[in-house]
């Protein structure tokens, strides 16, 4: 009887150990590596673009995704080249990553033509419905979702800011790529609608290349009392240094959509915190990698806006920024 009991105990112990073997084996297996394709705005040397990517990576790590451990990021830089939009979109889709992240409207459009299955998360794009990225903000459907940049009505805020700093402005040029950025004409229509109430004439400055910027600003500057605004697209972002240089040469104040414009030399900026948008985008990427369907994740609007004034540029232009405006600013650059 004792021998039988010992044999039975041994078999039970052996069975229990065997049951634990698959769990132990699974625990020792490396975690599955996920691949994220990223097509960032701007150039690889652009500090603003790198700041957004750093915020995204940091947020991903906080959510448990450690680079080279369970996730790998693959970058494709376009430097604003429309041909590279299509090329990189096709290459990334062909490589079959788990997800693609971008902040460029034409790139999302190109990606949609290449795939209806690979999840796509966008950050900082304007008018995703009007651009054909999603049919509905609340229920995007399909494989695309993300975070919007600004609404067209914000152009009224830019003009108000410009007039507050430079009351003598009578003409305003809106810089943008009106052929490739489908939302640029919408910003112009919004500006044209609000301009008469400020006693200002609205003018379109259509630019794609550096040469276009030089020609457009030089032509606009032939008449006095002019100021510059910019569509939140790649044209102004890529050529912003040249825009600042030409604006300063002709004594023209300028207001831009994002903080990095004012930091880099523009007179002022008002718009959403783009770094925060990329940080928030990590939340959607995390949810999708863990099984969420992008079709069920609503497109979200910005939650953080920032007003930045560059006093150095104001002084170079001979302008005095009202103290009330300085008091409202989130950041003042001396």
Protein backbone atom coordinates (compact mmCIF):
# COMPACT_ATOMS: atom_id res chain seq x y z
CA UNK A 1 0.00 0.00 0.00
CA UNK A 2 2.84 2.40 0.88
CA UNK A 3 4.64 1.53 -2.37
CA UNK A 4 1.49 2.23 -4.35
CA UNK A 5 1.05 5.59 -2.61
CA UNK A 6 4.61 6.62 -3.37
CA UNK A 7 4.23 5.60 -7.02
CA UNK A 8 0.98 7.54 -7.30
CA UNK A 9 2.54 10.62 -5.68
CA UNK A 10 5.45 10.41 -8.08
CA UNK A 11 3.14 10.21 -11.11
CA UNK A 12 1.13 13.21 -9.81
CA UNK A 13 4.30 15.22 -9.26
CA UNK A 14 5.58 14.29 -12.71
CA UNK A 15 2.26 15.27 -14.30
CA UNK A 16 2.27 18.63 -12.53
CA UNK A 17 5.78 19.37 -13.70
CA UNK A 18 4.93 18.41 -17.27
CA UNK A 19 1.94 20.75 -17.21
CA UNK A 20 4.27 23.60 -16.35
CA UNK A 21 6.73 22.92 -19.16
CA UNK A 22 4.85 24.78 -21.96
CA UNK A 23 4.45 27.87 -19.76
CA UNK A 24 8.15 27.90 -18.90
CA UNK A 25 9.06 27.40 -22.53
CA UNK A 26 6.81 30.29 -23.58
CA UNK A 27 8.31 32.53 -20.90
CA UNK A 28 11.77 31.91 -22.28
CA UNK A 29 10.81 32.74 -25.88
CA UNK A 30 11.66 36.29 -26.99
CA UNK A 31 8.76 38.73 -27.31
CA UNK A 32 7.52 39.28 -30.86
CA UNK A 33 9.22 42.21 -32.56
CA UNK A 34 6.79 44.77 -34.02
CA UNK A 35 7.73 47.05 -36.92
CA UNK A 36 6.48 50.63 -37.28
CA UNK A 37 7.07 52.48 -40.54
CA UNK A 38 7.37 56.26 -40.07
CA UNK A 39 7.32 58.96 -42.76
CA UNK A 40 8.05 62.19 -40.84
CA UNK A 41 7.52 65.75 -42.06
CA UNK A 42 10.52 67.93 -42.82
CA UNK A 43 14.11 66.79 -43.16
CA UNK A 44 16.18 64.46 -41.00
CA UNK A 45 18.22 67.44 -39.75
CA UNK A 46 15.09 69.39 -38.76
CA UNK A 47 15.11 69.80 -34.97
CA UNK A 48 11.32 70.16 -34.86
CA UNK A 49 10.77 66.88 -36.69
CA UNK A 50 13.23 65.15 -34.35
CA UNK A 51 11.46 66.61 -31.30
CA UNK A 52 8.14 65.14 -32.43
CA UNK A 53 9.70 61.72 -33.05
CA UNK A 54 11.46 61.79 -29.68
CA UNK A 55 8.15 62.52 -27.94
CA UNK A 56 6.53 59.65 -29.81
CA UNK A 57 9.28 57.17 -28.94
CA UNK A 58 9.29 58.25 -25.30
CA UNK A 59 5.53 57.80 -25.04
CA UNK A 60 5.79 54.39 -26.69
CA UNK A 61 8.43 53.29 -24.19
CA UNK A 62 6.22 54.43 -21.32
CA UNK A 63 3.50 52.20 -22.78
CA UNK A 64 5.83 49.19 -22.72
CA UNK A 65 7.31 49.32 -26.23
CA UNK A 66 11.10 49.28 -25.98
CA UNK A 67 13.13 49.90 -29.10
CA UNK A 68 15.17 46.89 -30.29
CA UNK A 69 13.40 44.75 -27.68
CA UNK A 70 9.81 44.45 -28.86
CA UNK A 71 9.54 47.24 -31.42
CA UNK A 72 11.57 48.62 -34.31
CA UNK A 73 11.06 51.97 -36.04
CA UNK A 74 11.85 52.34 -39.74
CA UNK A 75 12.07 55.90 -41.11
CA UNK A 76 11.56 57.25 -44.62
CA UNK A 77 12.43 60.94 -45.02
CA UNK A 78 10.93 62.88 -47.92
CA UNK A 79 12.19 66.47 -47.41
CA UNK A 80 8.93 67.68 -48.92
CA UNK A 81 9.52 65.88 -52.24
CA UNK A 82 6.13 64.86 -53.68
CA UNK A 83 7.71 62.05 -55.71
CA UNK A 84 9.22 60.56 -52.58
CA UNK A 85 5.76 60.57 -50.95
CA UNK A 86 4.60 57.94 -53.44
CA UNK A 87 7.89 56.04 -53.53
CA UNK A 88 8.22 55.67 -49.77
CA UNK A 89 4.53 54.86 -49.35
CA UNK A 90 4.84 52.01 -51.83
CA UNK A 91 8.10 50.74 -50.28
CA UNK A 92 6.73 50.73 -46.75
CA UNK A 93 3.53 48.95 -47.68
CA UNK A 94 5.52 46.35 -49.63
CA UNK A 95 7.63 45.66 -46.53
CA UNK A 96 4.42 44.87 -44.58
CA UNK A 97 5.02 46.65 -41.24
CA UNK A 98 2.57 46.27 -38.38
CA UNK A 99 1.59 49.95 -38.64
CA UNK A 100 2.56 53.19 -40.41
CA UNK A 101 2.76 56.63 -38.76
CA UNK A 102 2.98 59.93 -40.66
CA UNK A 103 2.07 63.60 -40.34
CA UNK A 104 1.84 64.44 -44.06
CA UNK A 105 -1.56 64.54 -45.76
CA UNK A 106 -0.35 63.59 -49.29
CA UNK A 107 1.56 60.66 -47.77
CA UNK A 108 -1.58 59.34 -46.05
CA UNK A 109 -3.39 59.66 -49.39
CA UNK A 110 -0.61 57.71 -51.11
CA UNK A 111 -0.64 55.05 -48.40
CA UNK A 112 -4.39 54.62 -48.74
CA UNK A 113 -3.93 53.90 -52.44
CA UNK A 114 -1.39 51.21 -51.56
CA UNK A 115 -3.16 49.40 -48.71
CA UNK A 116 -6.54 48.96 -47.10
CA UNK A 117 -5.31 46.59 -44.41
CA UNK A 118 -2.12 47.94 -42.78
CA UNK A 119 -3.16 50.35 -39.98
CA UNK A 120 -2.22 54.01 -40.63
CA UNK A 121 -2.08 56.62 -37.85
CA UNK A 122 -1.69 60.28 -38.81
CA UNK A 123 -0.70 63.23 -36.64
CA UNK A 124 -1.15 66.93 -37.33
CA UNK A 125 -3.02 66.76 -40.62
CA UNK A 126 -5.57 69.35 -41.66
CA UNK A 127 -9.11 68.42 -42.72
CA UNK A 128 -8.86 64.60 -42.86
CA UNK A 129 -12.45 64.37 -44.14
CA UNK A 130 -12.05 66.97 -46.89
CA UNK A 131 -8.72 65.40 -47.88
CA UNK A 132 -10.37 62.00 -48.24
CA UNK A 133 -8.39 60.36 -45.45
CA UNK A 134 -11.48 59.32 -43.48
CA UNK A 135 -15.21 59.54 -44.25
CA UNK A 136 -16.15 60.56 -40.72
CA UNK A 137 -14.24 61.89 -37.71
CA UNK A 138 -16.26 60.01 -35.10
CA UNK A 139 -16.27 56.74 -37.05
CA UNK A 140 -13.34 56.79 -39.46
CA UNK A 141 -13.85 53.22 -40.68
CA UNK A 142 -11.20 51.45 -42.71
CA UNK A 143 -7.55 51.32 -41.68
CA UNK A 144 -6.85 55.03 -41.09
CA UNK A 145 -7.27 57.24 -38.01
CA UNK A 146 -5.31 59.84 -36.07
CA UNK A 147 -5.08 63.44 -34.90
CA UNK A 148 -5.99 66.65 -36.72
CA UNK A 149 -3.90 69.82 -36.76
CA UNK A 150 -6.07 72.93 -37.15
CA UNK A 151 -9.47 73.97 -38.47
CA UNK A 152 -9.79 76.49 -41.28
CA UNK A 153 -11.30 79.10 -38.99
CA UNK A 154 -7.99 79.44 -37.12
CA UNK A 155 -6.80 81.69 -39.95
CA UNK A 156 -8.96 84.38 -38.33
CA UNK A 157 -6.87 84.05 -35.15
CA UNK A 158 -3.66 84.46 -37.17
CA UNK A 159 -4.95 87.60 -38.86
CA UNK A 160 -6.17 89.03 -35.56
CA UNK A 161 -2.75 88.41 -34.03
CA UNK A 162 -1.01 90.01 -36.99
CA UNK A 163 -3.17 93.13 -36.81
CA UNK A 164 -2.70 93.37 -33.05
CA UNK A 165 1.07 93.50 -33.44
CA UNK A 166 1.11 95.51 -36.69
CA UNK A 167 -2.13 97.56 -36.94
CA UNK A 168 -1.01 99.22 -40.19
CA UNK A 169 -1.23 95.99 -42.20
CA UNK A 170 -3.46 96.38 -45.27
CA UNK A 171 -2.52 93.33 -47.35
CA UNK A 172 -1.86 89.74 -46.31
CA UNK A 173 -0.28 86.95 -48.39
CA UNK A 174 -1.14 83.38 -47.44
CA UNK A 175 1.83 81.17 -48.32
CA UNK A 176 1.02 77.60 -49.32
CA UNK A 177 1.24 74.88 -51.95
CA UNK A 178 -2.16 75.31 -53.57
CA UNK A 179 -1.65 72.49 -56.09
CA UNK A 180 -0.47 69.65 -53.86
CA UNK A 181 -1.99 70.57 -50.47
CA UNK A 182 -5.70 70.03 -51.01
CA UNK A 183 -6.55 72.00 -47.88
CA UNK A 184 -4.62 75.18 -48.88
CA UNK A 185 -7.50 76.63 -50.98
CA UNK A 186 -9.83 76.11 -48.01
CA UNK A 187 -7.57 78.19 -45.77
CA UNK A 188 -7.51 80.91 -48.44
CA UNK A 189 -11.31 80.95 -48.67
CA UNK A 190 -11.52 81.24 -44.90
CA UNK A 191 -9.04 84.12 -44.96
CA UNK A 192 -10.93 85.85 -47.77
CA UNK A 193 -14.11 85.59 -45.74
CA UNK A 194 -12.64 87.19 -42.61
CA UNK A 195 -10.23 89.71 -44.21
CA UNK A 196 -12.79 92.47 -44.99
CA UNK A 197 -13.71 92.78 -41.30
CA UNK A 198 -10.06 93.66 -40.64
CA UNK A 199 -9.88 96.01 -43.63
CA UNK A 200 -7.28 93.71 -45.20
CA UNK A 201 -6.85 92.35 -48.72
CA UNK A 202 -6.09 88.61 -48.93
CA UNK A 203 -3.61 87.35 -51.54
CA UNK A 204 -2.57 83.78 -52.39
CA UNK A 205 1.19 83.12 -52.51
CA UNK A 206 1.54 79.76 -54.27
CA UNK A 207 4.90 78.13 -53.48
CA UNK A 208 6.52 74.73 -53.86
CA UNK A 209 10.26 75.40 -54.12
CA UNK A 210 12.72 77.87 -52.64
CA UNK A 211 12.63 79.75 -55.91
CA UNK A 212 8.87 80.06 -55.63
CA UNK A 213 9.23 81.55 -52.14
CA UNK A 214 11.69 84.18 -53.37
CA UNK A 215 9.53 85.14 -56.35
CA UNK A 216 6.26 85.21 -54.39
CA UNK A 217 7.57 87.29 -51.49
CA UNK A 218 9.44 89.69 -53.78
CA UNK A 219 6.32 90.25 -55.89
CA UNK A 220 4.11 90.77 -52.84
CA UNK A 221 6.57 93.20 -51.27
CA UNK A 222 6.32 95.63 -54.19
CA UNK A 223 3.34 97.22 -52.48
CA UNK A 224 3.60 98.57 -48.90
CA UNK A 225 1.88 97.56 -45.65
CA UNK A 226 2.00 93.84 -46.29
CA UNK A 227 2.15 90.89 -43.89
CA UNK A 228 2.55 87.14 -44.23
CA UNK A 229 0.56 84.15 -43.03
CA UNK A 230 1.22 80.50 -43.88
CA UNK A 231 -0.84 77.40 -44.54
CA UNK A 232 0.14 74.60 -42.10
CA UNK A 233 1.71 72.48 -44.83
CA UNK A 234 5.10 71.23 -45.97
CA UNK A 235 5.85 74.19 -48.25
CA UNK A 236 6.07 76.72 -45.43
CA UNK A 237 7.68 74.23 -43.06
CA UNK A 238 10.43 73.21 -45.47
CA UNK A 239 11.26 76.75 -46.61
CA UNK A 240 10.57 78.62 -43.37
CA UNK A 241 14.13 79.97 -42.96
CA UNK A 242 13.94 81.57 -46.40
CA UNK A 243 10.50 83.02 -45.66
CA UNK A 244 11.79 84.61 -42.45
CA UNK A 245 14.80 86.04 -44.27
CA UNK A 246 12.74 87.59 -47.06
CA UNK A 247 10.08 88.89 -44.68
CA UNK A 248 12.72 90.59 -42.54
CA UNK A 249 14.43 92.09 -45.59
CA UNK A 250 11.19 93.74 -46.65
CA UNK A 251 10.05 94.66 -43.14
CA UNK A 252 7.00 92.40 -43.26
CA UNK A 253 5.54 90.93 -40.05
CA UNK A 254 4.55 87.28 -40.20
CA UNK A 255 2.35 84.92 -38.18
CA UNK A 256 2.60 81.16 -38.48
CA UNK A 257 0.62 78.08 -37.42
CA UNK A 258 3.13 76.32 -35.13
CA UNK A 259 5.63 77.09 -32.38
CA UNK A 260 8.76 76.11 -34.29
CA UNK A 261 8.12 78.88 -36.83
CA UNK A 262 8.35 81.56 -34.13
CA UNK A 263 11.29 79.83 -32.44
CA UNK A 264 13.21 79.74 -35.73
CA UNK A 265 12.66 83.42 -36.57
CA UNK A 266 9.02 84.15 -37.38
CA UNK A 267 7.37 87.05 -35.59
CA UNK A 268 4.66 85.01 -33.88
CA UNK A 269 2.78 81.71 -33.99
CA UNK A 270 -0.50 80.34 -32.75
CA UNK A 271 -1.57 76.74 -33.10
CA UNK A 272 -1.63 73.27 -31.57
CA UNK A 273 1.34 71.75 -29.79
CA UNK A 274 2.66 69.41 -32.47
CA UNK A 275 5.00 67.56 -30.14
CA UNK A 276 2.01 66.78 -27.93
CA UNK A 277 0.12 65.47 -30.97
CA UNK A 278 2.85 62.92 -31.64
CA UNK A 279 2.87 62.00 -27.97
CA UNK A 280 -0.88 61.36 -28.13
CA UNK A 281 -0.47 59.41 -31.37
CA UNK A 282 1.57 56.85 -29.44
CA UNK A 283 -1.58 56.00 -27.50
CA UNK A 284 -3.40 55.02 -30.68
CA UNK A 285 -0.40 53.07 -31.98
CA UNK A 286 -0.25 51.16 -28.69
CA UNK A 287 -3.95 50.34 -28.78
CA UNK A 288 -3.82 49.12 -32.38
CA UNK A 289 -0.75 46.95 -31.73
CA UNK A 290 -2.66 45.38 -28.84
CA UNK A 291 -5.64 44.54 -31.02
CA UNK A 292 -7.79 47.66 -31.40
CA UNK A 293 -9.33 48.34 -34.82
CA UNK A 294 -8.41 51.75 -36.29
CA UNK A 295 -11.91 51.91 -37.74
CA UNK A 296 -13.26 52.20 -34.19
CA UNK A 297 -10.84 54.91 -32.98
CA UNK A 298 -12.26 58.40 -33.60
CA UNK A 299 -10.10 61.10 -35.14
CA UNK A 300 -9.17 63.51 -32.35
CA UNK A 301 -8.70 67.27 -32.36
CA UNK A 302 -5.80 69.08 -30.64
CA UNK A 303 -6.11 69.68 -26.91
CA UNK A 304 -3.11 71.99 -26.36
CA UNK A 305 -2.66 75.31 -28.19
CA UNK A 306 0.23 77.72 -27.73
CA UNK A 307 0.89 81.36 -28.52
CA UNK A 308 4.56 82.24 -29.08
CA UNK A 309 6.00 85.73 -29.63
CA UNK A 310 9.52 86.35 -30.92
CA UNK A 311 10.55 89.72 -29.44
CA UNK A 312 13.90 89.59 -31.20
CA UNK A 313 12.15 89.52 -34.58
CA UNK A 314 9.69 92.21 -33.46
CA UNK A 315 12.56 94.54 -32.58
CA UNK A 316 14.29 93.83 -35.90
CA UNK A 317 11.06 94.86 -37.64
CA UNK A 318 10.70 97.95 -35.49
CA UNK A 319 7.47 96.72 -33.91
CA UNK A 320 6.32 97.07 -30.32
CA UNK A 321 4.33 94.10 -29.08
CA UNK A 322 1.43 95.20 -26.84
CA UNK A 323 1.98 94.23 -23.17
CA UNK A 324 -1.46 92.63 -23.07
CA UNK A 325 -0.41 90.27 -25.86
CA UNK A 326 2.85 89.42 -24.14
CA UNK A 327 0.89 88.60 -20.99
CA UNK A 328 -1.25 86.12 -22.96
CA UNK A 329 1.71 84.42 -24.63
CA UNK A 330 2.71 80.91 -23.59
CA UNK A 331 6.29 81.66 -24.61
CA UNK A 332 8.21 84.87 -25.33
CA UNK A 333 11.51 84.58 -27.16
CA UNK A 334 13.90 87.38 -26.17
